[in-house]
Amino acid sequence: MKLKSMHRLLIATRNRHKTGELAALLGADFQVEDLTAHPDLPEIDETGVTFLENAILKALTVSRQFGGDVLVLADDSGLEVDALGGAPGVRSARFAGSGARDSDNTALLLARLGDAPQRAARFRCAIALAKGGALAATFEGACEGRILDAPRGCAGFGYDPVFVPETHAQTFAELPAEVKNRISHRARATQQALAWLLQLASA
């Protein structure tokens, strides 16, 4: 499998925030699109018990729907809070129920935590690349931090307003995008994927 200089990369998501982050992280060598351009494809039931299992499931399911020239990237990511036994984990996007808004999930998280003194948490991201229904590579990244008592900032998405990475005093929703895109869980996993893709392109 060899990449062209400008390679089409299909992101297995309908989350435009996620697509935007990944496009920025991957850079101009990739023509990135996502599943919003393919409304006929059914939603994928994320039945994995780990982020990596779900990323692989999404990458393989979507890649089987396209020809062998389309490289599919799927990520699964979420928040693990120590005081909640690792929850919300793989249910991060639907913590407050199917169709829950980011604000609903965050409100439930803070309610469950209450005034617990232990606020340690981490974002995790797993990325899977697939082509023609075959798995090509996987990568994982994490960002350690803590959960605040209340949201701060208006950028980002998901739990970003309540998560402070251990290397900074601001939440992901307060940090400039260029800073978040250097230190986040998705950045760390994507950097590995990008290195693999660029090595593939030069082979």
C-alpha atoms as a PDB file:
ATOM      1  CA  MET A   1       0.000   0.000   0.000  1.00  0.00           C
ATOM      2  CA  LYS A   2       1.522   3.311  -1.115  1.00  0.00           C
ATOM      3  CA  LEU A   3       0.172   6.819  -0.586  1.00  0.00           C
ATOM      4  CA  LYS A   4      -0.133   9.452  -3.268  1.00  0.00           C
ATOM      5  CA  SER A   5       1.232  12.966  -2.600  1.00  0.00           C
ATOM      6  CA  MET A   6      -2.318  14.166  -1.907  1.00  0.00           C
ATOM      7  CA  HIS A   7      -4.142  11.186  -0.502  1.00  0.00           C
ATOM      8  CA  ARG A   8      -7.823  10.893   0.226  1.00  0.00           C
ATOM      9  CA  LEU A   9      -8.441  10.018   3.846  1.00  0.00           C
ATOM     10  CA  LEU A  10     -11.942   9.155   4.984  1.00  0.00           C
ATOM     11  CA  ILE A  11     -12.607   9.818   8.678  1.00  0.00           C
ATOM     12  CA  ALA A  12     -15.152   7.370  10.073  1.00  0.00           C
ATOM     13  CA  THR A  13     -17.185   9.970  11.967  1.00  0.00           C
ATOM     14  CA  ARG A  14     -20.018  12.457  11.528  1.00  0.00           C
ATOM     15  CA  ASN A  15     -18.605  14.658  14.279  1.00  0.00           C
ATOM     16  CA  ARG A  16     -17.361  17.778  12.466  1.00  0.00           C
ATOM     17  CA  HIS A  17     -15.394  18.921  15.531  1.00  0.00           C
ATOM     18  CA  LYS A  18     -13.428  15.672  15.461  1.00  0.00           C
ATOM     19  CA  THR A  19     -12.913  15.888  11.697  1.00  0.00           C
ATOM     20  CA  GLY A  20     -11.627  19.446  12.024  1.00  0.00           C
ATOM     21  CA  GLU A  21      -9.143  18.494  14.728  1.00  0.00           C
ATOM     22  CA  LEU A  22      -7.864  15.523  12.768  1.00  0.00           C
ATOM     23  CA  ALA A  23      -7.563  17.543   9.549  1.00  0.00           C
ATOM     24  CA  ALA A  24      -5.506  20.187  11.367  1.00  0.00           C
ATOM     25  CA  LEU A  25      -3.291  17.533  12.948  1.00  0.00           C
ATOM     26  CA  LEU A  26      -2.697  15.647   9.696  1.00  0.00           C
ATOM     27  CA  GLY A  27      -1.840  18.713   7.626  1.00  0.00           C
ATOM     28  CA  ALA A  28      -2.215  19.710   4.002  1.00  0.00           C
ATOM     29  CA  ASP A  29      -0.969  16.472   2.435  1.00  0.00           C
ATOM     30  CA  PHE A  30      -4.319  14.805   3.078  1.00  0.00           C
ATOM     31  CA  GLN A  31      -7.673  15.391   1.451  1.00  0.00           C
ATOM     32  CA  VAL A  32      -9.869  14.733   4.475  1.00  0.00           C
ATOM     33  CA  GLU A  33     -13.580  14.005   4.373  1.00  0.00           C
ATOM     34  CA  ASP A  34     -15.949  12.323   6.782  1.00  0.00           C
ATOM     35  CA  LEU A  35     -19.222  10.407   6.811  1.00  0.00           C
ATOM     36  CA  THR A  36     -21.367  13.540   6.571  1.00  0.00           C
ATOM     37  CA  ALA A  37     -20.809  13.150   2.820  1.00  0.00           C
ATOM     38  CA  HIS A  38     -22.294   9.632   2.996  1.00  0.00           C
ATOM     39  CA  PRO A  39     -25.665   9.905   4.785  1.00  0.00           C
ATOM     40  CA  ASP A  40     -26.744   6.557   3.349  1.00  0.00           C
ATOM     41  CA  LEU A  41     -24.300   4.660   5.551  1.00  0.00           C
ATOM     42  CA  PRO A  42     -25.916   3.338   8.760  1.00  0.00           C
ATOM     43  CA  GLU A  43     -24.700   4.272  12.209  1.00  0.00           C
ATOM     44  CA  ILE A  44     -22.118   1.863  13.617  1.00  0.00           C
ATOM     45  CA  ASP A  45     -22.996   0.141  16.863  1.00  0.00           C
ATOM     46  CA  GLU A  46     -19.910   0.613  19.038  1.00  0.00           C
ATOM     47  CA  THR A  47     -19.912  -2.682  20.915  1.00  0.00           C
ATOM     48  CA  GLY A  48     -16.236  -2.764  21.896  1.00  0.00           C
ATOM     49  CA  VAL A  49     -15.224  -2.665  25.546  1.00  0.00           C
ATOM     50  CA  THR A  50     -12.085  -0.607  24.854  1.00  0.00           C
ATOM     51  CA  PHE A  51     -11.385   2.465  22.753  1.00  0.00           C
ATOM     52  CA  LEU A  52      -9.117   0.420  20.498  1.00  0.00           C
ATOM     53  CA  GLU A  53     -11.779  -2.217  19.875  1.00  0.00           C
ATOM     54  CA  ASN A  54     -14.264   0.467  18.855  1.00  0.00           C
ATOM     55  CA  ALA A  55     -11.759   2.249  16.611  1.00  0.00           C
ATOM     56  CA  ILE A  56     -10.964  -1.017  14.812  1.00  0.00           C
ATOM     57  CA  LEU A  57     -14.662  -1.864  14.500  1.00  0.00           C
ATOM     58  CA  LYS A  58     -15.443   1.509  12.915  1.00  0.00           C
ATOM     59  CA  ALA A  59     -12.445   1.488  10.583  1.00  0.00           C
ATOM     60  CA  LEU A  60     -13.145  -2.010   9.264  1.00  0.00           C
ATOM     61  CA  THR A  61     -16.910  -1.498   8.945  1.00  0.00           C
ATOM     62  CA  VAL A  62     -16.537   1.715   6.961  1.00  0.00           C
ATOM     63  CA  SER A  63     -13.635   0.496   4.806  1.00  0.00           C
ATOM     64  CA  ARG A  64     -15.698  -2.477   3.641  1.00  0.00           C
ATOM     65  CA  GLN A  65     -18.162  -0.024   2.098  1.00  0.00           C
ATOM     66  CA  PHE A  66     -15.548   1.585  -0.163  1.00  0.00           C
ATOM     67  CA  GLY A  67     -13.081   0.490  -2.788  1.00  0.00           C
ATOM     68  CA  GLY A  68      -9.524  -0.504  -2.091  1.00  0.00           C
ATOM     69  CA  ASP A  69      -8.221   2.982  -2.907  1.00  0.00           C
ATOM     70  CA  VAL A  70      -9.860   4.630   0.097  1.00  0.00           C
ATOM     71  CA  LEU A  71      -7.897   4.736   3.334  1.00  0.00           C
ATOM     72  CA  VAL A  72     -10.187   4.947   6.363  1.00  0.00           C
ATOM     73  CA  LEU A  73      -9.175   6.429   9.690  1.00  0.00           C
ATOM     74  CA  ALA A  74     -11.350   5.804  12.734  1.00  0.00           C
ATOM     75  CA  ASP A  75     -10.760   7.044  16.215  1.00  0.00           C
ATOM     76  CA  ASP A  76     -12.479   6.295  19.466  1.00  0.00           C
ATOM     77  CA  SER A  77     -11.748   8.481  22.407  1.00  0.00           C
ATOM     78  CA  GLY A  78     -13.104   9.471  25.746  1.00  0.00           C
ATOM     79  CA  LEU A  79     -12.549  10.413  29.336  1.00  0.00           C
ATOM     80  CA  GLU A  80     -11.555   8.144  32.221  1.00  0.00           C
ATOM     81  CA  VAL A  81     -12.077   9.472  35.748  1.00  0.00           C
ATOM     82  CA  ASP A  82     -10.337   7.568  38.541  1.00  0.00           C
ATOM     83  CA  ALA A  83     -12.922   8.392  41.213  1.00  0.00           C
ATOM     84  CA  LEU A  84     -15.628   6.921  38.959  1.00  0.00           C
ATOM     85  CA  GLY A  85     -13.776   3.677  38.317  1.00  0.00           C
ATOM     86  CA  GLY A  86     -12.721   4.773  34.840  1.00  0.00           C
ATOM     87  CA  ALA A  87     -16.145   6.038  33.774  1.00  0.00           C
ATOM     88  CA  PRO A  88     -17.430   7.383  31.495  1.00  0.00           C
ATOM     89  CA  GLY A  89     -14.852   5.525  29.384  1.00  0.00           C
ATOM     90  CA  VAL A  90     -16.116   4.113  26.097  1.00  0.00           C
ATOM     91  CA  ARG A  91     -19.533   5.567  26.907  1.00  0.00           C
ATOM     92  CA  SER A  92     -18.172   9.122  27.069  1.00  0.00           C
ATOM     93  CA  ALA A  93     -20.287  10.411  24.168  1.00  0.00           C
ATOM     94  CA  ARG A  94     -23.463   8.829  25.511  1.00  0.00           C
ATOM     95  CA  PHE A  95     -22.805   9.011  29.252  1.00  0.00           C
ATOM     96  CA  ALA A  96     -26.122  10.764  29.872  1.00  0.00           C
ATOM     97  CA  GLY A  97     -27.961   8.557  27.383  1.00  0.00           C
ATOM     98  CA  SER A  98     -28.294   8.099  23.636  1.00  0.00           C
ATOM     99  CA  GLY A  99     -28.419  11.450  21.895  1.00  0.00           C
ATOM    100  CA  ALA A 100     -27.137  13.324  24.948  1.00  0.00           C
ATOM    101  CA  ARG A 101     -25.603  16.748  24.378  1.00  0.00           C
ATOM    102  CA  ASP A 102     -22.081  17.581  25.526  1.00  0.00           C
ATOM    103  CA  SER A 103     -23.562  19.750  28.287  1.00  0.00           C
ATOM    104  CA  ASP A 104     -25.717  16.839  29.495  1.00  0.00           C
ATOM    105  CA  ASN A 105     -22.727  14.509  29.720  1.00  0.00           C
ATOM    106  CA  THR A 106     -20.635  17.098  31.516  1.00  0.00           C
ATOM    107  CA  ALA A 107     -23.413  17.902  33.996  1.00  0.00           C
ATOM    108  CA  LEU A 108     -23.833  14.212  34.834  1.00  0.00           C
ATOM    109  CA  LEU A 109     -20.084  13.785  35.256  1.00  0.00           C
ATOM    110  CA  LEU A 110     -19.885  16.682  37.721  1.00  0.00           C
ATOM    111  CA  ALA A 111     -22.949  15.441  39.594  1.00  0.00           C
ATOM    112  CA  ARG A 112     -21.432  11.967  39.959  1.00  0.00           C
ATOM    113  CA  LEU A 113     -18.140  13.418  41.171  1.00  0.00           C
ATOM    114  CA  GLY A 114     -19.753  15.839  43.591  1.00  0.00           C
ATOM    115  CA  ASP A 115     -17.134  17.243  45.958  1.00  0.00           C
ATOM    116  CA  ALA A 116     -14.828  14.234  45.693  1.00  0.00           C
ATOM    117  CA  PRO A 117     -11.258  15.370  46.448  1.00  0.00           C
ATOM    118  CA  GLN A 118      -9.784  12.885  43.979  1.00  0.00           C
ATOM    119  CA  ARG A 119     -10.176  14.535  40.534  1.00  0.00           C
ATOM    120  CA  ALA A 120      -7.498  12.706  38.519  1.00  0.00           C
ATOM    121  CA  ALA A 121      -8.569  11.823  34.988  1.00  0.00           C
ATOM    122  CA  ARG A 122      -7.227  11.270  31.511  1.00  0.00           C
ATOM    123  CA  PHE A 123      -8.392  11.488  27.947  1.00  0.00           C
ATOM    124  CA  ARG A 124      -7.568   8.455  25.819  1.00  0.00           C
ATOM    125  CA  CYS A 125      -7.616   8.083  22.052  1.00  0.00           C
ATOM    126  CA  ALA A 126      -7.220   5.025  19.852  1.00  0.00           C
ATOM    127  CA  ILE A 127      -6.817   5.302  16.082  1.00  0.00           C
ATOM    128  CA  ALA A 128      -7.247   2.521  13.541  1.00  0.00           C
ATOM    129  CA  LEU A 129      -6.410   2.695   9.831  1.00  0.00           C
ATOM    130  CA  ALA A 130      -8.029   0.297   7.384  1.00  0.00           C
ATOM    131  CA  LYS A 131      -8.190  -0.176   3.637  1.00  0.00           C
ATOM    132  CA  GLY A 132     -10.327  -2.531   1.592  1.00  0.00           C
ATOM    133  CA  GLY A 133     -11.741  -4.123   4.731  1.00  0.00           C
ATOM    134  CA  ALA A 134      -8.312  -4.975   6.156  1.00  0.00           C
ATOM    135  CA  LEU A 135      -6.718  -3.433   9.237  1.00  0.00           C
ATOM    136  CA  ALA A 136      -3.498  -1.562   8.399  1.00  0.00           C
ATOM    137  CA  ALA A 137      -2.302  -0.081  11.692  1.00  0.00           C
ATOM    138  CA  THR A 138      -3.368   1.109  15.152  1.00  0.00           C
ATOM    139  CA  PHE A 139      -2.122   3.849  17.465  1.00  0.00           C
ATOM    140  CA  GLU A 140      -2.978   5.096  20.959  1.00  0.00           C
ATOM    141  CA  GLY A 141      -2.423   8.269  22.949  1.00  0.00           C
ATOM    142  CA  ALA A 142      -3.366   9.645  26.372  1.00  0.00           C
ATOM    143  CA  CYS A 143      -3.344  12.972  28.191  1.00  0.00           C
ATOM    144  CA  GLU A 144      -3.336  13.037  31.999  1.00  0.00           C
ATOM    145  CA  GLY A 145      -5.090  15.774  33.951  1.00  0.00           C
ATOM    146  CA  ARG A 146      -7.856  16.567  36.414  1.00  0.00           C
ATOM    147  CA  ILE A 147     -11.536  17.472  36.478  1.00  0.00           C
ATOM    148  CA  LEU A 148     -12.692  20.882  37.701  1.00  0.00           C
ATOM    149  CA  ASP A 149     -15.767  21.607  39.815  1.00  0.00           C
ATOM    150  CA  ALA A 150     -17.358  23.674  37.018  1.00  0.00           C
ATOM    151  CA  PRO A 151     -16.833  24.283  33.283  1.00  0.00           C
ATOM    152  CA  ARG A 152     -14.416  26.955  32.045  1.00  0.00           C
ATOM    153  CA  GLY A 153     -13.917  28.164  28.486  1.00  0.00           C
ATOM    154  CA  CYS A 154     -15.975  28.012  25.325  1.00  0.00           C
ATOM    155  CA  ALA A 155     -13.693  26.330  22.783  1.00  0.00           C
ATOM    156  CA  GLY A 156     -13.324  22.612  22.111  1.00  0.00           C
ATOM    157  CA  PHE A 157     -16.116  20.112  22.606  1.00  0.00           C
ATOM    158  CA  GLY A 158     -17.167  17.217  24.807  1.00  0.00           C
ATOM    159  CA  TYR A 159     -15.650  17.369  28.283  1.00  0.00           C
ATOM    160  CA  ASP A 160     -13.022  19.953  27.295  1.00  0.00           C
ATOM    161  CA  PRO A 161     -14.440  22.708  29.580  1.00  0.00           C
ATOM    162  CA  VAL A 162     -13.884  20.655  32.742  1.00  0.00           C
ATOM    163  CA  PHE A 163     -10.552  18.985  31.903  1.00  0.00           C
ATOM    164  CA  VAL A 164      -7.237  20.599  32.840  1.00  0.00           C
ATOM    165  CA  PRO A 165      -4.181  18.798  31.393  1.00  0.00           C
ATOM    166  CA  GLU A 166      -1.410  18.252  33.927  1.00  0.00           C
ATOM    167  CA  THR A 167       1.034  20.456  32.007  1.00  0.00           C
ATOM    168  CA  HIS A 168      -1.218  23.544  32.020  1.00  0.00           C
ATOM    169  CA  ALA A 169      -3.505  25.605  34.272  1.00  0.00           C
ATOM    170  CA  GLN A 170      -6.193  26.126  31.615  1.00  0.00           C
ATOM    171  CA  THR A 171      -8.870  23.712  30.457  1.00  0.00           C
ATOM    172  CA  PHE A 172      -8.878  22.250  26.967  1.00  0.00           C
ATOM    173  CA  ALA A 173     -11.722  24.699  26.252  1.00  0.00           C
ATOM    174  CA  GLU A 174      -9.537  27.666  27.275  1.00  0.00           C
ATOM    175  CA  LEU A 175      -6.284  26.674  25.583  1.00  0.00           C
ATOM    176  CA  PRO A 176      -5.592  27.910  22.040  1.00  0.00           C
ATOM    177  CA  ALA A 177      -6.230  25.224  19.432  1.00  0.00           C
ATOM    178  CA  GLU A 178      -2.548  25.093  18.485  1.00  0.00           C
ATOM    179  CA  VAL A 179      -1.622  24.259  22.081  1.00  0.00           C
ATOM    180  CA  LYS A 180      -4.314  21.632  22.501  1.00  0.00           C
ATOM    181  CA  ASN A 181      -3.272  20.105  19.178  1.00  0.00           C
ATOM    182  CA  ARG A 182       0.217  19.538  20.550  1.00  0.00           C
ATOM    183  CA  ILE A 183      -0.636  17.904  23.864  1.00  0.00           C
ATOM    184  CA  SER A 184      -4.045  16.235  23.562  1.00  0.00           C
ATOM    185  CA  HIS A 185      -4.722  12.497  23.516  1.00  0.00           C
ATOM    186  CA  ARG A 186      -5.874  12.787  19.898  1.00  0.00           C
ATOM    187  CA  ALA A 187      -2.758  14.758  18.979  1.00  0.00           C
ATOM    188  CA  ARG A 188      -0.483  12.104  20.464  1.00  0.00           C
ATOM    189  CA  ALA A 189      -2.236   9.240  18.680  1.00  0.00           C
ATOM    190  CA  THR A 190      -2.469  11.194  15.420  1.00  0.00           C
ATOM    191  CA  GLN A 191       1.217  12.120  15.504  1.00  0.00           C
ATOM    192  CA  GLN A 192       2.046   8.413  15.524  1.00  0.00           C
ATOM    193  CA  ALA A 193      -0.423   7.747  12.703  1.00  0.00           C
ATOM    194  CA  LEU A 194       0.989  10.629  10.670  1.00  0.00           C
ATOM    195  CA  ALA A 195       4.537   9.338  11.055  1.00  0.00           C
ATOM    196  CA  TRP A 196       3.360   5.941   9.810  1.00  0.00           C
ATOM    197  CA  LEU A 197       1.501   7.491   6.866  1.00  0.00           C
ATOM    198  CA  LEU A 198       4.463   9.644   5.843  1.00  0.00           C
ATOM    199  CA  GLN A 199       6.795   6.658   6.047  1.00  0.00           C
ATOM    200  CA  LEU A 200       4.357   4.755   3.852  1.00  0.00           C
ATOM    201  CA  ALA A 201       4.302   7.632   1.354  1.00  0.00           C
ATOM    202  CA  SER A 202       8.086   7.676   1.089  1.00  0.00           C
ATOM    203  CA  ALA A 203       8.478   3.906   0.703  1.00  0.00           C
END
